[in-house]
Protein backbone atom coordinates (compact mmCIF):
# COMPACT_ATOMS: atom_id res chain seq x y z
CA MET A 1 -34.68 -5.24 3.07
CA SER A 2 -36.62 -2.24 4.42
CA PHE A 3 -35.37 1.32 4.77
CA GLY A 4 -35.72 1.12 8.56
CA THR A 5 -33.57 -2.02 8.82
CA ASN A 6 -30.90 -0.49 6.57
CA LEU A 7 -30.88 2.72 8.60
CA GLN A 8 -30.56 0.88 11.90
CA PHE A 9 -27.75 -1.28 10.50
CA LEU A 10 -25.80 1.74 9.20
CA ARG A 11 -26.26 3.64 12.46
CA LYS A 12 -24.91 0.76 14.50
CA LYS A 13 -22.04 0.31 12.05
CA LYS A 14 -21.07 3.91 12.74
CA GLU A 15 -21.41 3.19 16.47
CA MET A 16 -23.97 5.97 16.84
CA THR A 17 -26.89 6.08 19.25
CA GLN A 18 -30.35 7.14 18.17
CA GLU A 19 -29.82 10.36 20.12
CA GLU A 20 -26.60 11.13 18.25
CA LEU A 21 -28.21 10.47 14.88
CA ALA A 22 -31.22 12.57 15.84
CA GLU A 23 -28.93 15.46 16.76
CA LYS A 24 -27.13 15.31 13.41
CA MET A 25 -30.45 15.11 11.55
CA GLU A 26 -32.00 17.86 13.71
CA VAL A 27 -34.97 15.69 14.68
CA SER A 28 -36.08 13.99 17.88
CA ARG A 29 -34.92 10.56 19.03
CA GLN A 30 -38.52 9.35 18.70
CA THR A 31 -38.46 10.33 15.02
CA VAL A 32 -35.33 8.27 14.41
CA SER A 33 -36.94 5.35 16.25
CA LYS A 34 -39.99 5.57 13.98
CA TRP A 35 -37.76 5.63 10.90
CA GLU A 36 -35.94 2.49 12.01
CA SER A 37 -39.19 0.65 12.78
CA ASP A 38 -40.68 1.77 9.43
CA GLY A 39 -43.37 3.64 11.36
CA ALA A 40 -42.51 6.85 9.53
CA PHE A 41 -40.55 7.89 6.46
CA PRO A 42 -38.17 10.89 6.28
CA GLU A 43 -38.46 13.68 3.76
CA THR A 44 -36.32 13.58 0.63
CA GLU A 45 -33.97 16.22 2.02
CA LYS A 46 -33.39 14.11 5.13
CA ILE A 47 -32.73 11.01 3.02
CA ILE A 48 -30.07 12.90 1.08
CA VAL A 49 -28.40 13.93 4.35
CA LEU A 50 -28.51 10.32 5.58
CA CYS A 51 -26.85 9.12 2.38
CA GLU A 52 -24.06 11.68 2.78
CA LEU A 53 -23.64 10.76 6.45
CA PHE A 54 -23.37 7.02 5.83
CA GLY A 55 -21.59 7.19 2.47
CA CYS A 56 -24.19 5.30 0.43
CA THR A 57 -26.53 5.99 -2.46
CA MET A 58 -30.21 6.73 -2.05
CA ASP A 59 -31.13 3.61 -4.01
CA ALA A 60 -28.97 1.45 -1.73
CA LEU A 61 -30.45 2.97 1.42
CA LEU A 62 -34.04 2.54 0.28
CA ARG A 63 -33.93 -0.77 -1.60
CA ASP A 64 -30.75 -2.81 -1.12
CA ASP A 65 -29.95 -5.43 1.49
CA LEU A 66 -27.07 -3.57 3.14
CA VAL A 67 -26.63 -6.18 5.84
CA ARG A 68 -25.79 -8.81 3.22
CA GLU A 69 -23.62 -6.44 1.16
CA TYR A 70 -21.51 -5.33 4.11
CA THR A 71 -21.16 -8.89 5.35
CA GLU A 72 -19.78 -9.88 1.95
CA ALA A 73 -17.43 -6.88 2.06
CA ASP A 74 -16.15 -7.93 5.47
CA ALA A 75 -15.46 -11.43 4.20
CA SER A 76 -13.49 -10.20 1.16
CA TYR A 77 -11.54 -7.42 2.93
CA ASP A 78 -8.81 -9.60 4.43
CA THR A 79 -8.21 -11.47 1.16
CA HIS A 80 -8.08 -8.23 -0.83
CA MET A 81 -5.68 -6.49 1.56
CA ASN A 82 -3.38 -9.52 1.67
CA ARG A 83 -3.20 -9.57 -2.13
CA PHE A 84 -2.70 -5.81 -2.26
CA SER A 85 0.13 -5.96 0.29
CA LEU A 86 1.87 -8.73 -1.66
CA ALA A 87 1.45 -6.86 -4.95
CA VAL A 88 2.93 -3.56 -3.74
CA ALA A 89 5.75 -5.24 -1.80
CA GLY A 90 6.38 -7.52 -4.76
CA GLY A 91 6.59 -4.55 -7.12
CA VAL A 92 9.19 -2.86 -4.93
CA GLY A 93 11.03 -6.16 -4.59
CA LEU A 94 11.08 -6.65 -8.36
CA ILE A 95 12.76 -3.29 -8.92
CA LEU A 96 15.47 -4.20 -6.43
CA PHE A 97 15.75 -7.73 -7.81
CA GLY A 98 16.30 -6.15 -11.22
CA LEU A 99 19.40 -4.52 -9.74
CA VAL A 100 20.56 -7.88 -8.40
CA ILE A 101 20.24 -9.34 -11.90
CA MET A 102 21.92 -6.31 -13.45
CA PHE A 103 24.97 -6.57 -11.18
CA MET A 104 25.07 -10.34 -11.62
CA MET A 105 25.31 -9.79 -15.37
CA GLY A 106 28.09 -7.29 -14.71
CA ALA A 107 29.95 -9.91 -12.68
CA LEU A 108 29.63 -12.28 -15.65
CA GLY A 109 31.13 -9.65 -17.94
CA ILE A 110 27.97 -8.96 -19.96
CA HIS A 111 27.83 -5.61 -21.75
CA GLU A 112 26.32 -2.63 -19.87
CA ILE A 113 23.59 -2.14 -22.48
CA PHE A 114 22.15 -5.59 -21.78
CA MET A 115 22.48 -4.97 -18.04
CA THR A 116 20.38 -1.83 -18.37
CA ILE A 117 17.79 -3.59 -20.54
CA ALA A 118 17.46 -6.37 -17.95
CA PHE A 119 16.93 -3.83 -15.15
CA LEU A 120 14.33 -1.88 -17.13
CA PHE A 121 12.52 -5.15 -17.86
CA PHE A 122 11.96 -5.69 -14.13
CA VAL A 123 10.97 -2.05 -13.72
CA ALA A 124 8.35 -2.46 -16.45
CA ILE A 125 6.85 -5.50 -14.69
CA ALA A 126 6.80 -3.58 -11.40
CA VAL A 127 5.02 -0.62 -13.03
CA PHE A 128 2.33 -2.97 -14.38
CA ILE A 129 1.86 -4.48 -10.91
CA PHE A 130 1.62 -1.02 -9.26
CA ILE A 131 -1.00 0.16 -11.76
CA PHE A 132 -3.07 -3.03 -11.61
CA ALA A 133 -2.93 -3.26 -7.80
CA GLY A 134 -3.68 0.44 -7.39
CA ILE A 135 -6.73 0.45 -9.63
CA THR A 136 -8.00 -2.77 -8.05
CA HIS A 137 -7.63 -1.29 -4.57
CA SER A 138 -9.33 1.94 -5.58
CA ASP A 139 -12.28 0.00 -7.00
CA PHE A 140 -12.53 -2.08 -3.82
CA VAL A 141 -12.63 1.05 -1.64
CA LYS A 142 -15.37 2.57 -3.79
CA GLU A 143 -17.46 -0.60 -3.66
CA HIS A 144 -16.86 -1.22 0.06
CA PRO A 145 -16.63 2.12 1.88
CA TYR A 146 -17.20 0.54 5.29
CA ILE A 147 -15.76 -2.58 6.92
CA GLY A 148 -16.90 -4.06 10.21
CA LYS A 149 -14.74 -5.05 13.17
CA ILE A 150 -13.55 -8.28 11.57
CA TYR A 151 -10.38 -8.68 13.66
CA ASP A 152 -10.54 -9.44 17.35
CA ARG A 153 -8.15 -7.88 19.84
CA ALA A 154 -6.09 -11.04 20.19
CA GLU A 155 -5.41 -11.19 16.43
CA ILE A 156 -4.44 -7.51 16.29
CA LYS A 157 -2.25 -7.93 19.36
CA ARG A 158 -0.45 -10.91 17.78
CA TYR A 159 0.46 -8.91 14.70
CA ASN A 160 1.47 -5.88 16.75
CA ARG A 161 3.97 -8.16 18.50
CA LEU A 162 5.21 -9.55 15.18
CA PHE A 163 5.55 -6.18 13.42
CA PRO A 164 8.56 -4.82 15.39
CA ILE A 165 10.30 -8.17 14.92
CA LEU A 166 9.84 -7.97 11.14
CA LEU A 167 10.90 -4.33 11.09
CA GLY A 168 13.93 -4.91 13.31
CA ALA A 169 15.06 -7.95 11.34
CA SER A 170 14.72 -6.04 8.06
CA VAL A 171 16.73 -3.06 9.31
CA MET A 172 19.33 -5.51 10.61
CA GLY A 173 19.42 -7.10 7.14
CA ILE A 174 20.13 -3.69 5.58
CA LEU A 175 22.91 -3.07 8.10
CA PHE A 176 24.38 -6.53 7.38
CA GLY A 177 24.47 -5.55 3.70
CA VAL A 178 26.32 -2.34 4.52
CA ILE A 179 28.71 -4.25 6.82
CA PHE A 180 29.38 -6.77 4.05
CA LEU A 181 30.10 -3.97 1.56
CA ILE A 182 32.57 -2.37 3.95
CA ALA A 183 34.19 -5.68 4.92
CA SER A 184 34.56 -6.65 1.27
CA GLU A 185 37.34 -4.09 0.96
CA GLY A 186 39.53 -6.57 2.81
CA ILE A 187 38.65 -9.53 0.58
CA ALA A 188 41.27 -10.36 -2.02
CA MET A 189 39.98 -10.27 -5.60
CA PRO A 190 40.35 -13.62 -7.45
CA GLU A 191 42.77 -13.53 -10.37
CA SER A 192 40.00 -14.64 -12.78
CA PHE A 193 38.04 -11.41 -12.10
CA THR A 194 38.60 -7.92 -13.40
CA GLU A 195 38.09 -5.06 -10.95
CA ASP A 196 34.74 -4.08 -12.54
CA ARG A 197 33.42 -7.64 -12.44
CA TRP A 198 34.54 -8.08 -8.83
CA ASP A 199 32.81 -4.83 -7.79
CA SER A 200 29.66 -5.98 -9.58
CA LEU A 201 29.69 -9.29 -7.70
CA LEU A 202 30.09 -7.59 -4.31
CA THR A 203 27.35 -5.07 -5.11
CA MET A 204 25.04 -7.87 -6.23
CA ILE A 205 25.43 -9.57 -2.84
CA PHE A 206 24.77 -6.24 -1.11
CA PHE A 207 21.55 -5.75 -3.06
CA ILE A 208 20.36 -9.24 -2.16
CA PHE A 209 20.31 -8.07 1.46
CA ILE A 210 18.57 -4.83 0.45
CA THR A 211 15.97 -6.57 -1.75
CA ILE A 212 14.82 -8.97 0.94
CA SER A 213 14.86 -6.37 3.73
CA VAL A 214 13.02 -3.57 1.92
CA THR A 215 10.41 -5.96 0.51
CA VAL A 216 9.64 -7.23 4.00
CA ILE A 217 9.43 -3.67 5.37
CA VAL A 218 6.90 -2.63 2.72
CA TRP A 219 4.82 -5.78 3.19
CA ALA A 220 4.85 -5.53 6.99
CA GLY A 221 3.81 -1.87 6.87
CA LEU A 222 0.86 -2.55 4.58
CA GLN A 223 -0.19 -5.51 6.71
CA LYS A 224 -0.16 -3.29 9.79
CA SER A 225 -2.41 -0.74 8.07
CA LYS A 226 -4.78 -3.60 7.20
CA TYR A 227 -5.68 -4.02 10.85
CA ASP A 228 -6.52 -0.33 11.28
CA ILE A 229 -10.19 -0.68 10.37
CA ASP A 230 -11.12 2.67 11.96
CA ASP A 231 -8.76 4.45 9.59
CA TYR A 232 -10.29 2.64 6.62
CA ASN A 233 -13.78 3.59 7.74
CA LYS A 234 -13.36 7.34 7.60
CA THR A 235 -16.26 7.39 5.18
CA ALA A 236 -16.22 10.97 3.93
CA ASP A 237 -12.45 11.15 3.33
CA ASN A 238 -11.81 7.41 3.16
CA GLU A 239 -10.80 6.94 -0.45
CA GLN A 240 -8.79 10.17 -0.60
CA HIS A 241 -7.03 9.40 2.68
CA GLU A 242 -6.04 5.89 1.67
CA GLU A 243 -4.92 6.78 -1.83
CA ASN A 244 -2.87 9.84 -0.90
CA SER A 245 -1.28 7.99 2.00
CA LEU A 246 -0.32 5.05 -0.21
CA SER A 247 1.03 7.20 -3.03
CA GLY A 248 3.16 9.13 -0.54
CA LYS A 249 4.54 5.99 1.10
CA ILE A 250 5.29 4.21 -2.17
CA GLY A 251 6.76 7.38 -3.68
CA GLY A 252 8.99 7.83 -0.65
CA VAL A 253 10.28 4.27 -0.91
CA ILE A 254 10.94 4.66 -4.64
CA MET A 255 12.93 7.90 -4.25
CA LEU A 256 14.87 6.48 -1.28
CA LEU A 257 15.84 3.49 -3.42
CA ALA A 258 16.80 5.80 -6.28
CA THR A 259 19.13 7.74 -3.96
CA VAL A 260 20.76 4.55 -2.62
CA ILE A 261 21.26 3.21 -6.14
CA TYR A 262 22.73 6.53 -7.35
CA LEU A 263 25.22 6.71 -4.49
CA ILE A 264 26.35 3.13 -5.02
CA ILE A 265 26.76 3.58 -8.77
CA GLY A 266 28.68 6.78 -8.11
CA PHE A 267 31.02 5.58 -5.39
CA VAL A 268 31.63 2.09 -6.76
CA TRP A 269 31.97 2.84 -10.49
CA ASN A 270 32.35 6.62 -10.41
CA LEU A 271 29.45 6.86 -12.87
CA TRP A 272 27.93 10.01 -11.38
CA HIS A 273 26.90 11.49 -14.70
CA PRO A 274 24.97 8.56 -16.30
CA GLY A 275 23.79 7.47 -12.86
CA TRP A 276 21.29 10.34 -12.65
CA ILE A 277 18.93 8.30 -14.84
CA VAL A 278 17.77 6.45 -11.70
CA PHE A 279 16.10 9.67 -10.52
CA LEU A 280 14.35 9.96 -13.88
CA ILE A 281 13.01 6.42 -13.48
CA GLY A 282 12.02 7.18 -9.87
CA GLY A 283 10.20 10.32 -10.95
CA ILE A 284 8.28 8.40 -13.60
CA LEU A 285 7.25 5.78 -11.06
CA CYS A 286 6.14 8.46 -8.58
CA GLY A 287 4.13 10.12 -11.34
CA ILE A 288 2.41 6.82 -12.03
CA MET A 289 1.55 6.54 -8.31
CA GLU A 290 -0.08 9.98 -8.44
CA ILE A 291 -2.16 8.88 -11.44
CA VAL A 292 -3.21 5.64 -9.75
CA PHE A 293 -3.88 7.37 -6.40
CA PRO A 294 -4.95 10.91 -7.42
CA ASP A 295 -5.35 13.79 -4.98
CA LYS A 296 -9.02 14.62 -5.24
CA LYS A 297 -8.53 18.02 -3.56
CA LYS A 298 -6.80 19.35 -6.64
């Protein structure tokens, strides 16, 4: 693949005219035309500027087949983003499912130490998933800094219609969980249950609603961002923008969950003092997100 063909391909990918590129390079349109037809070759300084403008290396611009490489990137983007969305949503879901298991064990009368161990086991799996998915996503962004318009308007429009339905249903699921928790005050406790075991059973059911709803919200949000190709293609700030945005979103979800868990543990069992450990776990998870998605401005 020639330099001229690569340059023309990158220019069109950026949706730039020859006049616009010429203005940025401080040359005439005719000069850009000669570059793209391999009738002339730019100076080294100009090549460096082109590489910075299009987010590629000099070796790739001069020697690689960028048309083939970007086509392969386009083909793998959807698969990668689907896996990434499932991984992040699954990690959040696992943390919440760990609470479901913990309260289920409480309803069965299992000792609190084993309940805590079971919860931390799910947290550990979620941490592994977050780290693996984050590093994989970061590597993908570095290898594929630009993605073409792979989704047509009809496909984007279909998901934009589905997204509010998913979001509304998930919020409704959370509200149903709250309604159940309030209504459970009027349910008579079976004689075979102690008060602690009964509270654990009711809280377990509440967290089933929360687990499903929050997992769907996280997945739906990441799927929506998948279709925003223009946002992905902010070449100069692309990796930083994506990573900081993701770390902030995931961190926000984690701390929100920690607050909900703390309030429930406090109000239901009056365990305000030992309950603060959920914020410690949340802080550790947020710290991991900052490591996986570092702020490159620092």
